[in-house]
Amino acid sequence: MARQLRRSGTGAGAVAAPPARRSLMRPTLRPELMQQGRGIGQFLSEVRSELRKVVWPTRRGGAKLTALVVGISVAIGVMLGVVDFTFSELFRLLLQR
C-alpha cells in the first residue's frame, strides 16, 4: 500500500493535484462526414467494396433458407387462421344466444 501511495504522490504530506478540467469545446464526432465534395461515386465504390467482403450463401443453401422462411410463414399463417376461425365461431355462438 505504501508503494502505491508513493507512486501516486499522495503519500504522507503530499498534496493531490486538482482534477484536470475538460475542454469546453465539443469535438466533431466524424469530421470526414462534414467535408463537402464526397460524391455518389465514392459512396457506390465503398458499397461495392463492402459487398465483396460479404460471405454469400451457396445456391443450394440460399434455396434451403428460402424454403425455410416460406414454410415458417405458411405455418404461422395457418395457425393465425385457425385462431381467427376459432374466435369467430366462439363470438358467433355467444351472440346467437
Protein backbone atom coordinates (compact mmCIF):
# COMPACT_ATOMS: atom_id res chain seq x y z
CA MET A 1 0.00 0.00 0.00
CA ALA A 2 2.84 2.40 0.84
CA ARG A 3 4.42 1.80 -2.57
CA GLN A 4 1.14 2.70 -4.29
CA LEU A 5 0.88 5.88 -2.25
CA ARG A 6 4.45 6.85 -3.16
CA ARG A 7 3.84 6.19 -6.83
CA SER A 8 0.64 8.22 -6.92
CA GLY A 9 2.21 11.05 -4.95
CA THR A 10 -0.49 11.03 -2.29
CA GLY A 11 1.73 9.67 0.48
CA ALA A 12 2.47 11.43 3.77
CA GLY A 13 2.38 15.20 3.31
CA ALA A 14 1.77 15.12 -0.45
CA VAL A 15 -0.99 17.28 -1.88
CA ALA A 16 -3.10 15.79 -4.60
CA ALA A 17 -3.27 17.75 -7.85
CA PRO A 18 -6.68 19.11 -8.77
CA PRO A 19 -8.52 17.10 -11.41
CA ALA A 20 -7.91 18.18 -14.98
CA ARG A 21 -10.60 20.39 -16.46
CA ARG A 22 -12.44 19.26 -19.50
CA SER A 23 -12.35 21.36 -22.62
CA LEU A 24 -15.44 23.47 -23.21
CA MET A 25 -15.28 22.94 -26.96
CA ARG A 26 -17.17 19.95 -28.27
CA PRO A 27 -15.12 17.79 -30.62
CA THR A 28 -16.52 16.99 -34.04
CA LEU A 29 -17.58 13.37 -33.96
CA ARG A 30 -16.91 12.43 -37.58
CA PRO A 31 -15.15 15.25 -39.42
CA GLU A 32 -14.96 13.23 -42.66
CA LEU A 33 -18.77 13.38 -42.86
CA MET A 34 -18.67 17.16 -42.70
CA GLN A 35 -16.47 17.51 -45.78
CA GLN A 36 -18.13 18.71 -48.94
CA GLY A 37 -17.47 17.14 -52.31
CA ARG A 38 -17.82 13.49 -51.40
CA GLY A 39 -19.91 12.28 -54.28
CA ILE A 40 -22.19 9.42 -55.09
CA GLY A 41 -19.36 7.73 -57.00
CA GLN A 42 -17.26 7.33 -53.86
CA PHE A 43 -20.30 6.08 -51.95
CA LEU A 44 -21.03 3.44 -54.58
CA SER A 45 -17.42 2.30 -54.69
CA GLU A 46 -17.43 1.91 -50.91
CA VAL A 47 -20.68 -0.05 -51.08
CA ARG A 48 -19.17 -2.31 -53.71
CA SER A 49 -16.05 -2.93 -51.64
CA GLU A 50 -18.17 -3.79 -48.58
CA LEU A 51 -20.34 -6.17 -50.59
CA ARG A 52 -17.20 -8.01 -51.71
CA LYS A 53 -16.48 -8.78 -48.05
CA VAL A 54 -19.85 -10.50 -47.56
CA VAL A 55 -19.84 -14.28 -47.42
CA TRP A 56 -22.79 -15.15 -49.63
CA PRO A 57 -24.58 -18.50 -49.24
CA THR A 58 -24.35 -21.09 -51.98
CA ARG A 59 -27.28 -21.52 -54.35
CA ARG A 60 -28.31 -24.68 -52.50
CA GLY A 61 -28.00 -23.00 -49.07
CA GLY A 62 -29.96 -19.98 -50.28
CA ALA A 63 -32.72 -22.23 -51.63
CA LYS A 64 -32.91 -24.10 -48.31
CA LEU A 65 -33.13 -20.89 -46.32
CA THR A 66 -35.79 -19.51 -48.66
CA ALA A 67 -37.83 -22.71 -48.32
CA LEU A 68 -37.47 -22.49 -44.54
CA VAL A 69 -38.75 -18.90 -44.48
CA VAL A 70 -41.68 -19.73 -46.76
CA GLY A 71 -42.54 -22.83 -44.70
CA ILE A 72 -42.48 -20.95 -41.40
CA SER A 73 -44.56 -18.14 -42.91
CA VAL A 74 -47.18 -20.61 -44.15
CA ALA A 75 -47.25 -22.41 -40.79
CA ILE A 76 -47.73 -19.16 -38.85
CA GLY A 77 -50.41 -18.10 -41.35
CA VAL A 78 -52.29 -21.38 -40.84
CA MET A 79 -52.03 -21.07 -37.05
CA LEU A 80 -53.34 -17.50 -37.14
CA GLY A 81 -56.14 -18.60 -39.46
CA VAL A 82 -57.16 -21.35 -37.02
CA VAL A 83 -57.12 -18.92 -34.09
CA ASP A 84 -59.15 -16.39 -36.10
CA PHE A 85 -61.69 -19.02 -37.14
CA THR A 86 -61.97 -20.29 -33.56
CA PHE A 87 -62.62 -16.84 -32.13
CA SER A 88 -65.06 -16.01 -34.95
CA GLU A 89 -67.09 -19.14 -34.25
CA LEU A 90 -66.90 -18.54 -30.49
CA PHE A 91 -68.24 -15.00 -30.80
CA ARG A 92 -70.89 -16.11 -33.32
CA LEU A 93 -72.13 -18.70 -30.81
CA LEU A 94 -72.10 -16.19 -27.96
CA LEU A 95 -74.02 -13.58 -29.93
CA GLN A 96 -76.72 -16.05 -31.11
CA ARG A 97 -77.91 -16.70 -27.56
